[in-house]
Amino acid sequence: MKILGIIPARYGSSRFPGKPLADICGKPMIIHVLNRAKRSSKLFDVIAATDDARIFDCVTEAGGRAVMTDSNLPNGTARCEQALRIYGGEFDAVINIQGDEPLLDPLMIDEVCGLLEEGECATLCRELHDDFGNPNIVKTVMTQDGHALYFSRSLIPYKRNKIDLPVYQHIGIYGYRADFLKKYVSLSDTPLSMAESLEQLKILEHGYKMKIKVTESKAESIGVDTPEDLERVREIINAEIQTGSNNQ
């Protein structure tokens, strides 16, 4: 499969304006994500899709590729779809790589690419061991054959009968077959996706299936939603630099 990696990156986040350009140990966050994504063995190319000249210039000055997209797009997936059209060429699939995951393990990209051999769209999760009530940590449940049932900012499942079930944290990386990505942007908004502010719920509410896998990656995954998250990521990357394990 010929697969394009796209990192949607907006400057005007309501919770954390300018987040893609936040400094992490001497590099903007978007560059950390881009460099890690480029280490995937499955992607033909990786680009940033932005609506802001500052992010565009940051990426291109660092030697990366970026495209300018419409500032009025509703979410990152719609930005990916437009970026794919701007980039041009024939691709079988797209990986939507979140721009606020500077600790991204390239293995996770490869895992999502593998899932696209089996379905139209795919994502990952990992077992969650604490911080269950944090609404910034999205939880998920799945069928026994590996399809997502639901995503929520609330704790799911609720263990009323004290059954020993794991809680899974959704990891914000998505894969789409190119034809399904075009279909996705034509779907109307849905009540649950708007209530939870989780765009992936629109797929499930319209009756489509999403393959989901518990990732084999052992890397810590911290999405940067707050300045406190940013400080944690800085500490981790600084420790990697000190030990020589950060090869960016």
Protein backbone atom coordinates (compact mmCIF):
# COMPACT_ATOMS: atom_id res chain seq x y z
CA MET A 1 0.00 0.00 0.00
CA LYS A 2 1.13 3.53 -0.77
CA ILE A 3 0.45 5.52 2.40
CA LEU A 4 0.81 9.23 3.17
CA GLY A 5 1.35 10.43 6.73
CA ILE A 6 -0.34 13.76 7.50
CA ILE A 7 0.05 15.83 10.68
CA PRO A 8 -2.82 18.32 11.02
CA ALA A 9 -1.59 21.34 13.00
CA ARG A 10 -3.66 24.40 13.90
CA TYR A 11 -2.21 27.41 15.66
CA GLY A 12 -5.47 28.63 17.21
CA SER A 13 -6.24 25.90 19.74
CA SER A 14 -8.80 27.16 22.26
CA ARG A 15 -7.12 25.33 25.14
CA PHE A 16 -3.48 25.88 24.17
CA PRO A 17 -2.90 28.54 21.48
CA GLY A 18 0.31 28.08 19.51
CA LYS A 19 0.75 24.53 20.79
CA PRO A 20 2.46 23.11 17.64
CA LEU A 21 5.27 25.67 18.05
CA ALA A 22 5.79 25.08 21.78
CA ASP A 23 9.50 24.59 22.48
CA ILE A 24 10.62 21.15 23.63
CA CYS A 25 14.32 20.97 24.35
CA GLY A 26 15.23 23.38 21.56
CA LYS A 27 12.78 22.20 18.88
CA PRO A 28 9.13 23.07 18.24
CA MET A 29 6.70 20.28 19.09
CA ILE A 30 5.60 19.88 15.45
CA ILE A 31 9.20 19.09 14.45
CA HIS A 32 9.50 16.41 17.13
CA VAL A 33 6.33 14.78 15.77
CA LEU A 34 7.48 15.10 12.15
CA ASN A 35 10.90 13.61 12.84
CA ARG A 36 9.47 10.66 14.71
CA ALA A 37 6.84 10.00 12.04
CA LYS A 38 9.53 9.93 9.36
CA ARG A 39 11.05 6.91 11.10
CA SER A 40 8.03 4.79 10.18
CA SER A 41 8.86 2.01 7.73
CA LYS A 42 5.42 2.13 6.08
CA LEU A 43 4.96 5.73 4.93
CA PHE A 44 5.74 7.05 1.46
CA ASP A 45 6.01 10.61 2.81
CA VAL A 46 5.05 12.70 5.85
CA ILE A 47 3.65 16.24 5.63
CA ALA A 48 2.16 18.82 7.96
CA ALA A 49 -1.26 20.26 7.11
CA THR A 50 -1.77 23.68 8.66
CA ASP A 51 -3.78 26.88 8.35
CA ASP A 52 -1.07 29.14 9.77
CA ALA A 53 1.98 30.64 8.04
CA ARG A 54 4.06 30.40 11.24
CA ILE A 55 3.65 26.62 11.38
CA PHE A 56 4.14 26.28 7.61
CA ASP A 57 7.40 28.25 7.80
CA CYS A 58 8.59 26.33 10.85
CA VAL A 59 8.19 23.00 9.09
CA THR A 60 9.66 24.03 5.75
CA GLU A 61 12.62 25.82 7.35
CA ALA A 62 13.40 22.57 9.19
CA GLY A 63 13.48 20.72 5.86
CA GLY A 64 9.99 19.22 6.09
CA ARG A 65 7.05 19.48 3.75
CA ALA A 66 3.85 21.35 4.61
CA VAL A 67 0.65 22.38 2.84
CA MET A 68 -1.69 25.26 3.64
CA THR A 69 -5.30 24.25 4.26
CA ASP A 70 -8.55 26.10 4.90
CA SER A 71 -8.80 27.63 8.39
CA ASN A 72 -12.54 26.84 8.56
CA LEU A 73 -12.26 23.05 8.41
CA PRO A 74 -14.13 21.37 11.28
CA ASN A 75 -11.46 18.91 12.45
CA GLY A 76 -8.13 17.27 11.80
CA THR A 77 -9.56 14.52 9.60
CA ALA A 78 -11.13 17.04 7.25
CA ARG A 79 -7.77 18.82 7.17
CA CYS A 80 -6.09 15.55 6.18
CA GLU A 81 -8.56 15.00 3.37
CA GLN A 82 -7.93 18.47 1.94
CA ALA A 83 -4.16 18.07 2.37
CA LEU A 84 -4.28 14.80 0.42
CA ARG A 85 -5.96 16.59 -2.48
CA ILE A 86 -3.43 19.42 -2.35
CA TYR A 87 -0.48 17.03 -2.22
CA GLY A 88 -1.75 15.15 -5.28
CA GLY A 89 -0.83 11.72 -6.58
CA GLU A 90 -2.44 8.36 -5.99
CA PHE A 91 -2.44 7.01 -2.44
CA ASP A 92 -4.14 3.94 -1.01
CA ALA A 93 -4.39 5.31 2.51
CA VAL A 94 -3.64 8.19 4.88
CA ILE A 95 -2.40 8.13 8.47
CA ASN A 96 -3.68 11.05 10.54
CA ILE A 97 -0.88 11.72 13.05
CA GLN A 98 -1.77 14.01 15.94
CA GLY A 99 0.49 17.07 16.13
CA ASP A 100 0.45 17.06 19.94
CA GLU A 101 2.09 13.64 20.36
CA PRO A 102 5.82 14.50 20.52
CA LEU A 103 6.61 11.11 22.11
CA LEU A 104 5.11 9.24 19.16
CA ASP A 105 6.65 5.82 18.56
CA PRO A 106 7.00 5.10 14.79
CA LEU A 107 5.99 1.50 15.53
CA MET A 108 2.47 2.77 16.25
CA ILE A 109 2.23 4.20 12.73
CA ASP A 110 3.32 0.86 11.30
CA GLU A 111 0.70 -0.93 13.43
CA VAL A 112 -2.11 1.27 12.10
CA CYS A 113 -0.89 0.76 8.54
CA GLY A 114 -1.13 -3.00 9.10
CA LEU A 115 -4.72 -2.70 10.34
CA LEU A 116 -5.70 -0.99 7.09
CA GLU A 117 -5.07 -4.28 5.31
CA GLU A 118 -8.21 -5.48 7.14
CA GLY A 119 -10.51 -2.45 7.25
CA GLU A 120 -11.46 1.02 6.00
CA CYS A 121 -10.27 2.88 9.09
CA ALA A 122 -8.19 2.02 12.12
CA THR A 123 -6.71 3.31 15.37
CA LEU A 124 -4.84 2.16 18.50
CA CYS A 125 -5.25 1.95 22.25
CA ARG A 126 -3.21 0.87 25.26
CA GLU A 127 -4.06 -0.25 28.77
CA LEU A 128 -4.61 2.59 31.23
CA HIS A 129 -3.54 2.09 34.83
CA ASP A 130 -4.44 5.38 36.52
CA ASP A 131 -5.96 8.85 36.05
CA PHE A 132 -9.23 7.22 34.97
CA GLY A 133 -11.31 10.34 35.61
CA ASN A 134 -9.22 12.68 33.43
CA PRO A 135 -11.49 13.87 30.57
CA ASN A 136 -8.43 14.65 28.43
CA ILE A 137 -7.65 10.91 28.40
CA VAL A 138 -10.11 9.29 26.01
CA LYS A 139 -11.18 5.76 26.90
CA THR A 140 -12.42 3.08 24.53
CA VAL A 141 -14.09 -0.33 24.49
CA MET A 142 -14.00 -2.85 21.66
CA THR A 143 -15.57 -6.00 20.30
CA GLN A 144 -13.92 -9.39 20.68
CA ASP A 145 -12.91 -9.31 17.02
CA GLY A 146 -11.10 -5.98 17.30
CA HIS A 147 -13.56 -3.26 16.29
CA ALA A 148 -14.18 -0.13 18.33
CA LEU A 149 -17.52 -0.05 20.12
CA TYR A 150 -17.29 3.41 21.71
CA PHE A 151 -14.94 6.18 22.78
CA SER A 152 -15.59 8.43 25.76
CA ARG A 153 -14.03 11.05 27.98
CA SER A 154 -15.78 9.28 30.85
CA LEU A 155 -14.58 6.02 32.37
CA ILE A 156 -15.72 3.01 30.34
CA PRO A 157 -16.51 0.30 31.16
CA TYR A 158 -18.19 0.91 34.51
CA LYS A 159 -17.37 -2.19 36.57
CA ARG A 160 -20.63 -2.62 38.46
CA ASN A 161 -20.01 -6.32 39.10
CA LYS A 162 -16.31 -5.91 39.95
CA ILE A 163 -15.21 -7.99 36.98
CA ASP A 164 -11.47 -7.68 36.38
CA LEU A 165 -11.54 -5.88 33.03
CA PRO A 166 -8.78 -3.62 31.67
CA VAL A 167 -9.42 0.04 30.87
CA TYR A 168 -8.03 1.14 27.53
CA GLN A 169 -6.78 4.60 26.62
CA HIS A 170 -7.31 5.67 23.04
CA ILE A 171 -4.16 6.81 21.24
CA GLY A 172 -4.85 9.64 18.84
CA ILE A 173 -3.57 8.17 15.60
CA TYR A 174 -5.94 7.18 12.79
CA GLY A 175 -5.62 5.38 9.51
CA TYR A 176 -8.05 5.76 6.61
CA ARG A 177 -8.28 4.13 3.24
CA ALA A 178 -8.23 7.03 0.78
CA ASP A 179 -11.73 6.34 -0.55
CA PHE A 180 -13.14 6.13 2.98
CA LEU A 181 -11.48 9.42 3.93
CA LYS A 182 -13.37 11.11 1.10
CA LYS A 183 -16.58 9.49 2.35
CA TYR A 184 -15.90 10.59 5.93
CA VAL A 185 -15.84 14.31 5.14
CA SER A 186 -19.27 14.05 3.50
CA LEU A 187 -20.88 12.56 6.62
CA SER A 188 -23.06 14.84 8.71
CA ASP A 189 -22.15 15.67 12.30
CA THR A 190 -23.64 13.37 14.92
CA PRO A 191 -24.98 13.96 18.45
CA LEU A 192 -22.46 11.84 20.35
CA SER A 193 -19.45 13.18 18.46
CA MET A 194 -20.52 16.73 19.27
CA ALA A 195 -21.41 15.95 22.90
CA GLU A 196 -18.07 14.28 23.62
CA SER A 197 -16.08 16.44 21.17
CA LEU A 198 -14.61 13.27 19.67
CA GLU A 199 -14.62 13.25 15.89
CA GLN A 200 -14.10 9.48 15.63
CA LEU A 201 -17.57 8.88 17.09
CA LYS A 202 -19.06 10.20 13.85
CA ILE A 203 -17.74 7.12 12.10
CA LEU A 204 -19.39 4.75 14.57
CA GLU A 205 -22.65 6.70 14.72
CA HIS A 206 -23.01 6.44 10.96
CA GLY A 207 -22.66 2.67 11.21
CA TYR A 208 -19.11 2.17 9.93
CA LYS A 209 -16.58 -0.11 11.63
CA MET A 210 -13.19 0.97 12.93
CA LYS A 211 -10.43 -1.58 13.53
CA ILE A 212 -8.65 -1.02 16.84
CA LYS A 213 -5.59 -2.72 18.30
CA VAL A 214 -3.89 -2.69 21.67
CA THR A 215 -0.50 -1.34 20.68
CA GLU A 216 2.68 -3.34 21.09
CA SER A 217 4.65 -0.13 21.61
CA LYS A 218 6.16 0.28 25.08
CA ALA A 219 6.82 4.00 24.61
CA GLU A 220 5.03 6.38 26.93
CA SER A 221 2.28 8.28 25.14
CA ILE A 222 1.44 11.75 26.44
CA GLY A 223 -0.79 13.95 24.35
CA VAL A 224 -0.05 17.59 25.12
CA ASP A 225 -3.35 19.15 26.15
CA THR A 226 -2.10 21.46 28.90
CA PRO A 227 1.10 23.33 29.89
CA GLU A 228 1.54 20.68 32.60
CA ASP A 229 1.58 17.95 29.93
CA LEU A 230 4.20 19.95 28.06
CA GLU A 231 6.46 20.04 31.12
CA ARG A 232 6.19 16.25 31.52
CA VAL A 233 7.14 15.75 27.87
CA ARG A 234 10.10 18.11 28.21
CA GLU A 235 11.38 16.10 31.17
CA ILE A 236 11.08 12.81 29.27
CA ILE A 237 12.76 14.08 26.10
CA ASN A 238 15.50 15.82 28.10
CA ALA A 239 16.18 12.51 29.87
CA GLU A 240 16.36 10.76 26.49
CA ILE A 241 18.86 13.36 25.28
CA GLN A 242 20.97 12.93 28.39
CA THR A 243 21.10 9.14 27.99
CA GLY A 244 21.61 9.28 24.22
CA SER A 245 18.37 7.40 23.47
CA ASN A 246 16.83 10.31 21.56
CA ASN A 247 18.09 10.01 17.97
CA GLN A 248 16.21 12.86 16.37
